[in-house]
């Protein structure tokens, strides 16, 4: 089954529609690669996919284990290499606030879940994944 359809809009931009939901997303080449930088680049989405997958995997784990999570937030930094032009590293910082921040067993389980996300396992092994998980009060 097709997940999304993409149309080239010109000027290094694409319109992408998620078929199941109808949600649209525009991609644009970054300014350092002749684009306008007016939206996510394809490599931005790749890096962001790691962050959102980790957060989603933590949420699934917490729901399965009946762990009360007050909030999960993250930030993503992508670093590119020049020759060849590709993602060199992705830095992800995840902040998790638990209802019971003292339970070390819960924290260990969440850490394991975070490092088991499917995107992490799908990225090329040469892409450095720096994932920092912080439990906040």
N, C-alpha and C. Protein backbone atom coordinates (compact mmCIF):
# COMPACT_ATOMS: atom_id res chain seq x y z
N UNK A 1 0.85 -1.19 0.00
CA UNK A 1 0.00 0.00 0.00
C UNK A 1 0.89 1.24 0.00
N UNK A 2 0.56 2.18 -0.84
CA UNK A 2 1.32 3.43 -0.95
C UNK A 2 1.05 4.28 0.29
N UNK A 3 2.11 4.81 0.90
CA UNK A 3 2.00 5.64 2.09
C UNK A 3 1.74 7.10 1.74
N UNK A 4 2.47 7.61 0.74
CA UNK A 4 2.38 9.03 0.39
C UNK A 4 2.59 9.21 -1.10
N UNK A 5 2.09 10.33 -1.59
CA UNK A 5 2.32 10.72 -2.97
C UNK A 5 3.05 12.06 -2.96
N UNK A 6 3.97 12.20 -3.91
CA UNK A 6 4.82 13.39 -3.97
C UNK A 6 4.73 14.00 -5.36
N UNK A 7 4.64 15.35 -5.39
CA UNK A 7 4.65 16.09 -6.66
C UNK A 7 5.74 17.14 -6.57
N UNK A 8 6.56 17.22 -7.62
CA UNK A 8 7.57 18.26 -7.70
C UNK A 8 6.90 19.57 -8.06
N UNK A 9 7.17 20.62 -7.29
CA UNK A 9 6.53 21.92 -7.48
C UNK A 9 7.42 22.91 -8.24
N UNK A 10 8.66 22.51 -8.50
CA UNK A 10 9.60 23.44 -9.10
C UNK A 10 10.40 24.13 -8.01
N UNK A 11 11.49 24.75 -8.39
CA UNK A 11 12.35 25.50 -7.44
C UNK A 11 12.78 24.65 -6.26
N UNK A 12 13.01 23.35 -6.51
CA UNK A 12 13.54 22.39 -5.52
C UNK A 12 12.58 22.13 -4.36
N UNK A 13 11.28 22.28 -4.62
CA UNK A 13 10.25 22.04 -3.60
C UNK A 13 9.36 20.87 -4.03
N UNK A 14 8.88 20.12 -3.05
CA UNK A 14 7.94 19.02 -3.31
C UNK A 14 6.76 19.13 -2.37
N UNK A 15 5.59 18.74 -2.88
CA UNK A 15 4.39 18.61 -2.06
C UNK A 15 4.20 17.13 -1.81
N UNK A 16 3.98 16.77 -0.58
CA UNK A 16 3.85 15.37 -0.16
C UNK A 16 2.53 15.22 0.58
N UNK A 17 1.74 14.23 0.20
CA UNK A 17 0.45 14.01 0.86
C UNK A 17 0.44 12.60 1.44
N UNK A 18 0.19 12.51 2.73
CA UNK A 18 0.00 11.23 3.42
C UNK A 18 -1.39 10.74 3.05
N UNK A 19 -1.47 9.61 2.36
CA UNK A 19 -2.74 9.18 1.78
C UNK A 19 -3.80 8.81 2.80
N UNK A 20 -3.42 8.20 3.89
CA UNK A 20 -4.42 7.76 4.87
C UNK A 20 -5.10 8.95 5.56
N UNK A 21 -4.30 9.99 5.87
CA UNK A 21 -4.85 11.13 6.62
C UNK A 21 -5.14 12.35 5.76
N UNK A 22 -4.51 12.43 4.59
CA UNK A 22 -4.65 13.61 3.76
C UNK A 22 -3.75 14.77 4.18
N UNK A 23 -2.92 14.53 5.17
CA UNK A 23 -2.02 15.58 5.65
C UNK A 23 -0.97 15.89 4.60
N UNK A 24 -0.77 17.19 4.35
CA UNK A 24 0.21 17.62 3.35
C UNK A 24 1.44 18.21 4.02
N UNK A 25 2.58 18.02 3.37
CA UNK A 25 3.86 18.52 3.87
C UNK A 25 4.68 18.98 2.67
N UNK A 26 5.24 20.17 2.77
CA UNK A 26 6.11 20.69 1.71
C UNK A 26 7.55 20.46 2.14
N UNK A 27 8.37 19.99 1.21
CA UNK A 27 9.82 19.93 1.46
C UNK A 27 10.50 20.91 0.53
N UNK A 28 11.64 21.41 0.99
CA UNK A 28 12.41 22.38 0.22
C UNK A 28 13.88 22.07 0.42
N UNK A 29 14.65 22.24 -0.63
CA UNK A 29 16.10 22.06 -0.48
C UNK A 29 16.63 23.13 0.48
N UNK A 30 17.66 22.81 1.25
CA UNK A 30 18.22 23.80 2.17
C UNK A 30 18.98 24.88 1.40
N UNK A 31 19.19 26.01 2.06
CA UNK A 31 19.87 27.13 1.40
C UNK A 31 21.30 26.80 1.00
N UNK A 32 21.96 25.90 1.73
CA UNK A 32 23.33 25.53 1.37
C UNK A 32 23.37 24.52 0.22
N UNK A 33 22.19 24.18 -0.32
CA UNK A 33 22.13 23.27 -1.46
C UNK A 33 21.15 23.81 -2.52
N UNK A 34 21.19 25.14 -2.70
CA UNK A 34 20.47 25.84 -3.76
C UNK A 34 18.97 25.98 -3.54
N UNK A 35 18.49 25.66 -2.34
CA UNK A 35 17.07 25.79 -2.05
C UNK A 35 16.76 27.09 -1.35
N UNK A 36 15.48 27.30 -1.07
CA UNK A 36 15.04 28.49 -0.35
C UNK A 36 15.08 28.30 1.17
N UNK A 37 15.12 27.04 1.61
CA UNK A 37 15.11 26.77 3.05
C UNK A 37 13.81 27.20 3.70
N UNK A 38 12.71 27.16 2.93
CA UNK A 38 11.43 27.66 3.44
C UNK A 38 10.61 26.59 4.16
N UNK A 39 11.11 25.36 4.17
CA UNK A 39 10.42 24.27 4.85
C UNK A 39 11.46 23.21 5.22
N UNK A 40 10.98 22.11 5.74
CA UNK A 40 11.89 21.00 6.06
C UNK A 40 12.55 20.51 4.78
N UNK A 41 13.84 20.20 4.88
CA UNK A 41 14.52 19.51 3.78
C UNK A 41 14.31 18.01 3.98
N UNK A 42 14.53 17.20 2.95
CA UNK A 42 14.41 15.76 3.15
C UNK A 42 15.32 15.23 4.27
N UNK A 43 16.54 15.77 4.38
CA UNK A 43 17.42 15.30 5.46
C UNK A 43 16.97 15.81 6.83
N UNK A 44 16.31 16.98 6.88
CA UNK A 44 15.71 17.44 8.14
C UNK A 44 14.67 16.43 8.60
N UNK A 45 13.84 15.98 7.66
CA UNK A 45 12.79 15.02 8.01
C UNK A 45 13.38 13.69 8.49
N UNK A 46 14.47 13.28 7.86
CA UNK A 46 15.14 12.05 8.28
C UNK A 46 15.60 12.18 9.73
N UNK A 47 16.26 13.29 10.05
CA UNK A 47 16.75 13.51 11.41
C UNK A 47 15.59 13.64 12.39
N UNK A 48 14.57 14.39 12.00
CA UNK A 48 13.40 14.57 12.86
C UNK A 48 12.68 13.25 13.09
N UNK A 49 12.72 12.38 12.10
CA UNK A 49 12.09 11.06 12.26
C UNK A 49 12.70 10.29 13.41
N UNK A 50 14.01 10.44 13.62
CA UNK A 50 14.65 9.77 14.76
C UNK A 50 14.05 10.28 16.07
N UNK A 51 13.96 11.59 16.22
CA UNK A 51 13.42 12.18 17.45
C UNK A 51 11.98 11.77 17.69
N UNK A 52 11.14 11.90 16.66
CA UNK A 52 9.73 11.57 16.86
C UNK A 52 9.52 10.08 17.08
N UNK A 53 10.36 9.25 16.47
CA UNK A 53 10.25 7.81 16.69
C UNK A 53 10.63 7.45 18.14
N UNK A 54 11.68 8.07 18.64
CA UNK A 54 12.08 7.82 20.04
C UNK A 54 10.96 8.22 20.99
N UNK A 55 10.40 9.42 20.77
CA UNK A 55 9.32 9.90 21.65
C UNK A 55 8.11 8.97 21.56
N UNK A 56 7.74 8.57 20.36
CA UNK A 56 6.60 7.68 20.17
C UNK A 56 6.84 6.32 20.82
N UNK A 57 8.06 5.80 20.68
CA UNK A 57 8.39 4.50 21.27
C UNK A 57 8.34 4.58 22.80
N UNK A 58 8.82 5.67 23.37
CA UNK A 58 8.72 5.87 24.82
C UNK A 58 7.25 5.90 25.25
N UNK A 59 6.42 6.62 24.50
CA UNK A 59 5.00 6.74 24.84
C UNK A 59 4.30 5.38 24.75
N UNK A 60 4.63 4.60 23.72
CA UNK A 60 4.04 3.25 23.58
C UNK A 60 4.46 2.38 24.76
N UNK A 61 5.74 2.42 25.11
CA UNK A 61 6.25 1.64 26.24
C UNK A 61 5.54 2.06 27.53
N UNK A 62 5.43 3.38 27.75
CA UNK A 62 4.80 3.88 28.97
C UNK A 62 3.34 3.45 29.05
N UNK A 63 2.66 3.51 27.93
CA UNK A 63 1.25 3.09 27.91
C UNK A 63 1.13 1.60 28.21
N UNK A 64 1.99 0.80 27.60
CA UNK A 64 1.97 -0.65 27.81
C UNK A 64 2.26 -1.01 29.27
N UNK A 65 3.22 -0.30 29.87
CA UNK A 65 3.61 -0.59 31.26
C UNK A 65 2.80 0.20 32.29
N UNK A 66 1.83 0.99 31.80
CA UNK A 66 0.99 1.82 32.67
C UNK A 66 1.82 2.79 33.52
N UNK A 67 2.80 3.41 32.86
CA UNK A 67 3.65 4.42 33.50
C UNK A 67 3.05 5.78 33.20
N UNK A 68 2.84 6.57 34.23
CA UNK A 68 2.29 7.91 34.03
C UNK A 68 3.41 8.88 33.63
N UNK A 69 3.32 9.35 32.39
CA UNK A 69 4.30 10.32 31.87
C UNK A 69 3.61 11.67 31.80
N UNK A 70 4.19 12.68 32.47
CA UNK A 70 3.61 14.02 32.46
C UNK A 70 3.88 14.74 31.15
N UNK A 71 5.09 14.57 30.61
CA UNK A 71 5.42 15.20 29.33
C UNK A 71 6.66 14.57 28.73
N UNK A 72 6.75 14.65 27.42
CA UNK A 72 7.96 14.25 26.68
C UNK A 72 8.19 15.32 25.63
N UNK A 73 9.39 15.86 25.60
CA UNK A 73 9.77 16.87 24.61
C UNK A 73 11.13 16.54 24.07
N UNK A 74 11.42 17.02 22.88
CA UNK A 74 12.71 16.71 22.28
C UNK A 74 13.21 17.82 21.39
N UNK A 75 14.49 17.76 21.10
CA UNK A 75 15.10 18.67 20.13
C UNK A 75 16.02 17.85 19.23
N UNK A 76 16.20 18.33 18.01
CA UNK A 76 16.96 17.61 16.99
C UNK A 76 17.97 18.55 16.36
N UNK A 77 19.21 18.08 16.24
CA UNK A 77 20.23 18.81 15.49
C UNK A 77 20.86 17.85 14.49
N UNK A 78 20.83 18.24 13.23
CA UNK A 78 21.39 17.43 12.15
C UNK A 78 22.68 18.10 11.68
N UNK A 79 23.71 17.28 11.51
CA UNK A 79 24.98 17.79 10.98
C UNK A 79 25.28 17.03 9.69
N UNK A 80 25.59 17.79 8.66
CA UNK A 80 25.85 17.22 7.34
C UNK A 80 27.35 17.11 7.09
N UNK A 81 27.74 16.13 6.29
CA UNK A 81 29.11 16.07 5.78
C UNK A 81 29.06 16.56 4.33
N UNK A 82 30.21 16.95 3.81
CA UNK A 82 30.26 17.55 2.48
C UNK A 82 30.59 16.54 1.39
N UNK A 83 31.56 15.68 1.63
CA UNK A 83 32.00 14.76 0.58
C UNK A 83 32.06 13.34 1.12
N UNK A 84 31.06 12.52 0.98
CA UNK A 84 29.85 12.79 0.21
C UNK A 84 28.84 13.59 1.02
N UNK A 85 27.95 14.30 0.31
CA UNK A 85 26.91 15.07 0.99
C UNK A 85 25.89 14.08 1.55
N UNK A 86 25.87 14.01 2.87
CA UNK A 86 24.95 13.11 3.57
C UNK A 86 24.86 13.55 5.01
N UNK A 87 23.93 12.97 5.75
CA UNK A 87 23.85 13.23 7.19
C UNK A 87 25.04 12.57 7.84
N UNK A 88 25.81 13.34 8.59
CA UNK A 88 26.95 12.80 9.33
C UNK A 88 26.52 12.36 10.72
N UNK A 89 25.75 13.22 11.39
CA UNK A 89 25.31 12.88 12.75
C UNK A 89 23.98 13.55 13.06
N UNK A 90 23.27 12.93 13.99
CA UNK A 90 22.01 13.46 14.49
C UNK A 90 22.12 13.50 16.02
N UNK A 91 21.95 14.70 16.57
CA UNK A 91 21.95 14.88 18.02
C UNK A 91 20.50 15.04 18.46
N UNK A 92 20.08 14.18 19.36
CA UNK A 92 18.71 14.21 19.86
C UNK A 92 18.77 14.36 21.37
N UNK A 93 18.00 15.30 21.87
CA UNK A 93 17.86 15.49 23.32
C UNK A 93 16.38 15.31 23.65
N UNK A 94 16.11 14.36 24.54
CA UNK A 94 14.74 14.05 24.95
C UNK A 94 14.59 14.36 26.43
N UNK A 95 13.56 15.11 26.79
CA UNK A 95 13.25 15.43 28.17
C UNK A 95 11.95 14.73 28.55
N UNK A 96 12.04 13.87 29.57
CA UNK A 96 10.87 13.10 30.02
C UNK A 96 10.56 13.52 31.45
N UNK A 97 9.30 13.86 31.67
CA UNK A 97 8.84 14.18 33.02
C UNK A 97 7.87 13.09 33.45
N UNK A 98 8.23 12.40 34.52
CA UNK A 98 7.41 11.30 35.04
C UNK A 98 6.61 11.75 36.25
N UNK A 99 5.44 11.15 36.44
CA UNK A 99 4.65 11.43 37.63
C UNK A 99 5.41 10.99 38.88
N UNK A 100 6.15 9.85 38.77
CA UNK A 100 6.98 9.36 39.88
C UNK A 100 8.44 9.36 39.40
N UNK A 101 9.16 10.47 39.61
CA UNK A 101 10.52 10.58 39.09
C UNK A 101 11.57 9.80 39.89
N UNK A 102 11.17 9.08 40.92
CA UNK A 102 12.14 8.39 41.78
C UNK A 102 12.33 6.92 41.42
N UNK A 103 11.52 6.39 40.53
CA UNK A 103 11.55 4.97 40.22
C UNK A 103 12.63 4.68 39.17
N UNK A 104 13.76 4.17 39.61
CA UNK A 104 14.90 3.91 38.71
C UNK A 104 14.61 2.77 37.72
N UNK A 105 13.79 1.80 38.13
CA UNK A 105 13.43 0.70 37.24
C UNK A 105 12.63 1.22 36.04
N UNK A 106 11.74 2.16 36.29
CA UNK A 106 10.95 2.77 35.22
C UNK A 106 11.87 3.54 34.28
N UNK A 107 12.80 4.30 34.82
CA UNK A 107 13.74 5.07 34.00
C UNK A 107 14.58 4.16 33.11
N UNK A 108 15.04 3.04 33.66
CA UNK A 108 15.83 2.09 32.89
C UNK A 108 15.01 1.52 31.74
N UNK A 109 13.76 1.20 31.99
CA UNK A 109 12.88 0.68 30.95
C UNK A 109 12.65 1.69 29.85
N UNK A 110 12.45 2.94 30.23
CA UNK A 110 12.25 4.01 29.25
C UNK A 110 13.51 4.22 28.42
N UNK A 111 14.67 4.16 29.05
CA UNK A 111 15.93 4.30 28.32
C UNK A 111 16.09 3.18 27.29
N UNK A 112 15.77 1.96 27.67
CA UNK A 112 15.86 0.83 26.74
C UNK A 112 14.90 1.02 25.57
N UNK A 113 13.69 1.45 25.88
CA UNK A 113 12.69 1.68 24.83
C UNK A 113 13.18 2.76 23.87
N UNK A 114 13.75 3.82 24.40
CA UNK A 114 14.23 4.93 23.57
C UNK A 114 15.26 4.47 22.55
N UNK A 115 16.13 3.58 22.95
CA UNK A 115 17.20 3.12 22.07
C UNK A 115 16.78 1.96 21.17
N UNK A 116 15.51 1.58 21.24
CA UNK A 116 15.01 0.48 20.42
C UNK A 116 14.06 0.96 19.32
N UNK A 117 13.99 2.26 19.09
CA UNK A 117 13.03 2.75 18.10
C UNK A 117 13.40 2.28 16.70
N UNK A 118 12.40 2.00 15.87
CA UNK A 118 12.66 1.47 14.52
C UNK A 118 13.50 2.38 13.63
N UNK A 119 13.35 3.69 13.75
CA UNK A 119 14.15 4.59 12.91
C UNK A 119 15.63 4.47 13.27
N UNK A 120 15.92 4.39 14.55
CA UNK A 120 17.30 4.23 14.99
C UNK A 120 17.92 2.99 14.36
N UNK A 121 17.16 1.91 14.32
CA UNK A 121 17.65 0.66 13.76
C UNK A 121 17.71 0.68 12.23
N UNK A 122 17.01 1.64 11.60
CA UNK A 122 16.94 1.72 10.14
C UNK A 122 17.99 2.63 9.52
N UNK A 123 18.54 3.55 10.30
CA UNK A 123 19.52 4.49 9.77
C UNK A 123 20.84 3.78 9.45
N UNK A 124 21.53 4.29 8.47
CA UNK A 124 22.83 3.71 8.09
C UNK A 124 23.77 3.73 9.29
N UNK A 125 24.55 2.68 9.51
CA UNK A 125 25.42 2.62 10.68
C UNK A 125 26.50 3.70 10.72
N UNK A 126 26.80 4.33 9.59
CA UNK A 126 27.79 5.41 9.60
C UNK A 126 27.22 6.73 10.12
N UNK A 127 25.90 6.83 10.22
CA UNK A 127 25.30 8.04 10.79
C UNK A 127 25.42 7.96 12.31
N UNK A 128 26.10 8.92 12.88
CA UNK A 128 26.31 8.95 14.33
C UNK A 128 25.01 9.43 14.98
N UNK A 129 24.51 8.63 15.92
CA UNK A 129 23.31 8.97 16.66
C UNK A 129 23.69 9.30 18.10
N UNK A 130 23.64 10.57 18.43
CA UNK A 130 23.90 11.02 19.81
C UNK A 130 22.56 11.29 20.47
N UNK A 131 22.10 10.34 21.26
CA UNK A 131 20.79 10.45 21.90
C UNK A 131 21.00 10.64 23.40
N UNK A 132 20.49 11.76 23.91
CA UNK A 132 20.56 12.05 25.34
C UNK A 132 19.15 12.08 25.89
N UNK A 133 18.93 11.26 26.90
CA UNK A 133 17.64 11.16 27.56
C UNK A 133 17.78 11.78 28.94
N UNK A 134 16.96 12.79 29.20
CA UNK A 134 17.01 13.51 30.48
C UNK A 134 15.66 13.39 31.17
N UNK A 135 15.70 13.01 32.43
CA UNK A 135 14.50 12.96 33.24
C UNK A 135 14.44 14.25 34.03
N UNK A 136 13.36 15.01 33.84
CA UNK A 136 13.24 16.32 34.47
C UNK A 136 12.18 16.28 35.58
N UNK A 137 12.29 17.19 36.50
CA UNK A 137 11.34 17.28 37.62
C UNK A 137 10.15 18.14 37.24
